[in-house]
Each structure stands twice: as structure tokens, then as C-alpha cells.
Amino acid sequence: MLKRIFVLLPLILSSPFTFAEENEVSGSVVDIPLTNDAKVFSRYDDDFPAILTFFSQLSEAEIKSFYDEQLGAPVSSETVYGRLELKYSQDNKSFRVIIDSLQENHREVDVLVSE
């Protein structure tokens, strides 16, 4: 099963129809910061919890630094199952940023926002 996912991932990433439009922000309940190179995969931000998944070619440290600049110092930081999990608090909202390990020149980043 895991092998199939890694075999299909390059096909999914090369599909022009896979990614949500980066500018589709109508009705979003929260502004979720994105790195300049973000390729948005999915966006569910019309209600809480808001969820955004994107791919980036930046390093883990660069992505962490970006979110530190945007959201302030993390409340917590830990590695769970090989993924860096950062938790932030801003404007009475909780941001959870999960940065996956490098896979074929990109990283998956998940951002979850709750009230």
C-alpha cells in the first residue's frame, strides 16, 4: 500500500487539475499564510477547523522560520512520526503546522486552524 502511494505521488503532483487555485479565498474564516513557492493541494477554510495543505521546496528550517515570522514564536515544537509539529497561538486562534520530511524535492505542509 505504501509503495503505491509513492508511485502515484509523482503522477498526482504533475496533474494540472490536482491543485486548488491559490487565489480561491472566497468566504475564508481565517487568513492562512503561505510560503511564496506554495503549491496548494487542498483548502478547507470556510469554517473552523480550517485546513490547508500545500507542497513546498523549501527546507524544514526555512518553512519553520517563515511561520515564526508570520505567527510569532511557537507555543510548542515536537517531532512526531518524523514530522515537525509546530503549534502557534495568534488572535485567539490555534495554528498547528505540520512539516513532513523531504520527498522527491518537496515537502508536504499541513496547516490546521481552530478557534
Protein backbone atom coordinates (compact mmCIF):
# COMPACT_ATOMS: atom_id res chain seq x y z
CA MET A 1 0.00 0.00 0.00
CA LEU A 2 2.73 2.49 0.95
CA LYS A 3 4.66 1.68 -2.20
CA ARG A 4 1.57 2.51 -4.32
CA ILE A 5 1.29 5.93 -2.69
CA PHE A 6 4.90 6.80 -3.51
CA VAL A 7 4.45 5.53 -7.08
CA LEU A 8 1.27 7.59 -7.58
CA LEU A 9 2.52 10.75 -5.89
CA PRO A 10 4.60 11.95 -8.90
CA LEU A 11 1.56 11.41 -11.13
CA ILE A 12 -0.68 13.36 -8.78
CA LEU A 13 1.84 16.20 -8.48
CA SER A 14 2.21 16.50 -12.24
CA SER A 15 -1.54 16.70 -12.87
CA PRO A 16 -2.70 20.23 -13.70
CA PHE A 17 -6.11 19.53 -12.15
CA THR A 18 -4.91 18.35 -8.75
CA PHE A 19 -4.11 21.62 -7.05
CA ALA A 20 -6.71 24.04 -5.79
CA GLU A 21 -6.34 27.57 -7.10
CA GLU A 22 -4.13 29.55 -4.75
CA ASN A 23 -6.34 32.61 -5.11
CA GLU A 24 -9.58 30.86 -4.15
CA VAL A 25 -10.17 32.66 -0.86
CA SER A 26 -13.86 33.48 -1.06
CA GLY A 27 -15.57 33.03 2.28
CA SER A 28 -12.49 32.02 4.24
CA VAL A 29 -12.81 32.36 8.04
CA VAL A 30 -9.07 32.90 8.56
CA ASP A 31 -6.10 34.07 6.53
CA ILE A 32 -3.56 31.22 6.48
CA PRO A 33 -0.05 32.39 5.50
CA LEU A 34 1.59 30.59 2.56
CA THR A 35 5.23 30.45 1.50
CA ASN A 36 6.00 32.09 -1.86
CA ASP A 37 6.57 28.74 -3.57
CA ALA A 38 3.48 27.01 -2.12
CA LYS A 39 1.56 24.69 -4.44
CA VAL A 40 -1.82 24.42 -2.75
CA PHE A 41 -3.19 20.88 -2.77
CA SER A 42 -6.35 21.39 -0.70
CA ARG A 43 -8.03 24.22 1.13
CA TYR A 44 -10.98 23.97 3.53
CA ASP A 45 -11.15 27.38 5.17
CA ASP A 46 -14.81 28.37 5.04
CA ASP A 47 -15.41 27.13 8.61
CA PHE A 48 -13.40 26.03 11.64
CA PRO A 49 -11.33 23.96 11.86
CA ALA A 50 -9.72 25.45 8.74
CA ILE A 51 -7.30 23.15 6.94
CA LEU A 52 -4.76 23.95 4.23
CA THR A 53 -2.34 21.51 2.62
CA PHE A 54 0.41 22.60 0.26
CA PHE A 55 3.75 21.47 -1.12
CA SER A 56 6.99 23.47 -0.88
CA GLN A 57 10.57 23.02 -1.99
CA LEU A 58 11.88 25.00 0.99
CA SER A 59 13.81 23.26 3.75
CA GLU A 60 12.17 22.38 7.06
CA ALA A 61 14.13 25.20 8.74
CA GLU A 62 13.01 27.74 6.10
CA ILE A 63 9.35 26.77 6.48
CA LYS A 64 9.61 26.94 10.28
CA SER A 65 11.30 30.35 10.04
CA PHE A 66 8.52 31.58 7.73
CA TYR A 67 5.79 30.58 10.20
CA ASP A 68 7.78 32.00 13.13
CA GLU A 69 7.87 35.34 11.28
CA GLN A 70 4.17 35.19 10.40
CA LEU A 71 2.74 33.82 13.66
CA GLY A 72 5.37 34.56 16.32
CA ALA A 73 7.27 32.10 18.48
CA PRO A 74 5.73 28.63 18.59
CA VAL A 75 3.94 27.57 21.77
CA SER A 76 5.35 24.08 21.24
CA SER A 77 7.55 22.22 18.79
CA GLU A 78 7.99 18.46 18.56
CA THR A 79 8.76 15.75 16.05
CA VAL A 80 6.04 13.13 15.74
CA TYR A 81 6.46 10.19 13.34
CA GLY A 82 9.25 12.04 11.51
CA ARG A 83 7.19 15.21 11.00
CA LEU A 84 7.85 18.53 12.69
CA GLU A 85 4.72 19.74 14.52
CA LEU A 86 4.61 23.41 15.46
CA LYS A 87 1.81 24.99 17.50
CA TYR A 88 1.16 28.72 17.48
CA SER A 89 -1.42 30.99 19.05
CA GLN A 90 -2.47 34.24 17.39
CA ASP A 91 -5.65 36.38 17.58
CA ASN A 92 -7.43 33.83 19.82
CA LYS A 93 -6.83 31.09 17.24
CA SER A 94 -4.66 27.99 17.45
CA PHE A 95 -2.45 27.23 14.44
CA ARG A 96 -0.91 23.78 14.04
CA VAL A 97 1.71 23.50 11.30
CA ILE A 98 2.93 20.03 10.32
CA ILE A 99 6.01 19.85 8.09
CA ASP A 100 6.67 16.47 6.50
CA SER A 101 10.10 15.15 5.54
CA LEU A 102 11.56 15.74 2.07
CA GLN A 103 10.01 13.53 -0.64
CA GLU A 104 11.16 13.86 -4.24
CA ASN A 105 12.29 17.52 -3.89
CA HIS A 106 9.27 18.82 -1.96
CA ARG A 107 7.68 18.77 1.48
CA GLU A 108 4.03 18.49 2.38
CA VAL A 109 2.87 21.16 4.83
CA ASP A 110 -0.46 20.95 6.65
CA VAL A 111 -1.85 23.95 8.50
CA LEU A 112 -4.83 23.46 10.81
CA VAL A 113 -6.52 26.44 12.47
CA SER A 114 -9.10 26.25 15.22
CA GLU A 115 -10.80 28.79 17.43
